[in-house]
Amino acid sequence: ASLVIAAFVGLGLYVAFLSNATSYLSDDPQACINCHLMTPQYLTWKHSSHREVAHCNDCHVPHSSAASKYFFKAKDGLYHSAIFTLRAEPQVIR
């Protein structure tokens, strides 16, 4: 039983490492481009004056409390994980 638990934990840590999971805990806009579909939006933002006053999370993540912020990030991350695992990502971002 302990071998199964150790394998499960090890696999979980490996997946977290491969997916760069800790980057999603930050407000760094580069976390948004972990997904290849966000590169044009990131580059547009990066080369605009808007980057001086706002980052992605300022508009796309709730700020009412730390709990709501990280709940949203976890829920959104699980959704994106499922979409990309199933290869069902949209070609156009809305």
Protein backbone atom coordinates (compact mmCIF):
# COMPACT_ATOMS: atom_id res chain seq x y z
CA ALA A 1 0.00 0.00 0.00
CA SER A 2 2.82 2.43 0.83
CA LEU A 3 4.42 1.73 -2.56
CA VAL A 4 1.19 2.69 -4.33
CA ILE A 5 0.94 5.89 -2.27
CA ALA A 6 4.57 6.75 -2.98
CA ALA A 7 4.07 6.11 -6.72
CA PHE A 8 0.94 8.27 -6.74
CA VAL A 9 2.68 11.14 -4.90
CA GLY A 10 5.74 10.84 -7.14
CA LEU A 11 3.61 10.90 -10.28
CA GLY A 12 1.68 13.91 -8.95
CA LEU A 13 4.90 15.81 -8.27
CA TYR A 14 6.24 14.91 -11.72
CA VAL A 15 3.06 16.16 -13.42
CA ALA A 16 3.17 19.37 -11.34
CA PHE A 17 6.77 19.91 -12.43
CA LEU A 18 6.06 19.23 -16.11
CA SER A 19 3.03 21.51 -16.17
CA ASN A 20 4.91 24.32 -14.41
CA ALA A 21 2.02 24.33 -11.90
CA THR A 22 3.64 26.74 -9.43
CA SER A 23 3.67 29.50 -12.05
CA TYR A 24 -0.13 29.67 -11.82
CA LEU A 25 0.07 30.70 -8.17
CA SER A 26 1.76 33.97 -9.14
CA ASP A 27 0.47 37.05 -10.93
CA ASP A 28 3.22 36.77 -13.55
CA PRO A 29 1.71 37.26 -17.03
CA GLN A 30 4.15 34.71 -18.44
CA ALA A 31 2.06 32.00 -16.75
CA CYS A 32 -0.65 32.82 -19.30
CA ILE A 33 1.59 31.77 -22.16
CA ASN A 34 2.23 28.31 -20.76
CA CYS A 35 -0.60 27.64 -23.17
CA HIS A 36 0.43 28.12 -26.81
CA LEU A 37 -2.86 29.83 -27.64
CA MET A 38 -2.03 32.88 -25.52
CA THR A 39 1.23 33.92 -27.20
CA PRO A 40 -0.25 36.58 -29.55
CA GLN A 41 -2.26 38.13 -26.71
CA TYR A 42 0.77 38.13 -24.41
CA LEU A 43 3.02 39.75 -27.01
CA THR A 44 0.41 42.42 -27.77
CA TRP A 45 0.12 43.21 -24.06
CA LYS A 46 3.91 43.10 -23.52
CA HIS A 47 4.57 45.68 -26.25
CA SER A 48 1.79 48.03 -25.16
CA SER A 49 1.77 50.81 -22.59
CA HIS A 50 -1.02 48.85 -20.85
CA ARG A 51 1.60 46.53 -19.31
CA GLU A 52 2.75 49.38 -17.06
CA VAL A 53 -0.62 49.57 -15.29
CA ALA A 54 -2.30 46.17 -15.56
CA HIS A 55 -1.44 42.48 -15.68
CA CYS A 56 -3.66 39.63 -16.86
CA ASN A 57 -4.95 38.77 -13.39
CA ASP A 58 -6.04 42.36 -12.76
CA CYS A 59 -8.93 41.89 -15.19
CA HIS A 60 -9.36 38.13 -15.50
CA VAL A 61 -9.27 36.94 -11.86
CA PRO A 62 -11.59 37.97 -8.98
CA HIS A 63 -10.03 40.05 -6.21
CA SER A 64 -12.70 40.04 -3.50
CA SER A 65 -10.52 37.79 -1.29
CA ALA A 66 -7.46 35.55 -1.50
CA ALA A 67 -9.74 32.53 -1.18
CA SER A 68 -11.89 33.55 -4.16
CA LYS A 69 -8.79 34.38 -6.21
CA TYR A 70 -7.14 30.99 -5.66
CA PHE A 71 -10.44 29.10 -5.93
CA PHE A 72 -10.96 30.69 -9.34
CA LYS A 73 -7.38 29.90 -10.37
CA ALA A 74 -7.76 26.25 -9.28
CA LYS A 75 -11.13 25.86 -11.04
CA ASP A 76 -9.85 27.51 -14.21
CA GLY A 77 -6.65 25.43 -14.12
CA LEU A 78 -8.59 22.18 -13.82
CA TYR A 79 -10.78 23.25 -16.74
CA HIS A 80 -7.77 24.08 -18.91
CA SER A 81 -6.04 20.82 -17.93
CA ALA A 82 -9.08 18.84 -19.05
CA ILE A 83 -9.45 20.78 -22.31
CA PHE A 84 -5.81 20.34 -23.29
CA THR A 85 -5.68 16.70 -22.21
CA LEU A 86 -8.72 15.97 -24.37
CA ARG A 87 -7.29 18.10 -27.21
CA ALA A 88 -10.52 20.11 -27.28
CA GLU A 89 -9.02 23.59 -27.10
CA PRO A 90 -10.77 26.21 -29.26
CA GLN A 91 -8.85 27.65 -32.17
CA VAL A 92 -10.06 31.17 -31.35
CA ILE A 93 -10.00 32.73 -27.89
CA ARG A 94 -13.19 34.59 -26.99
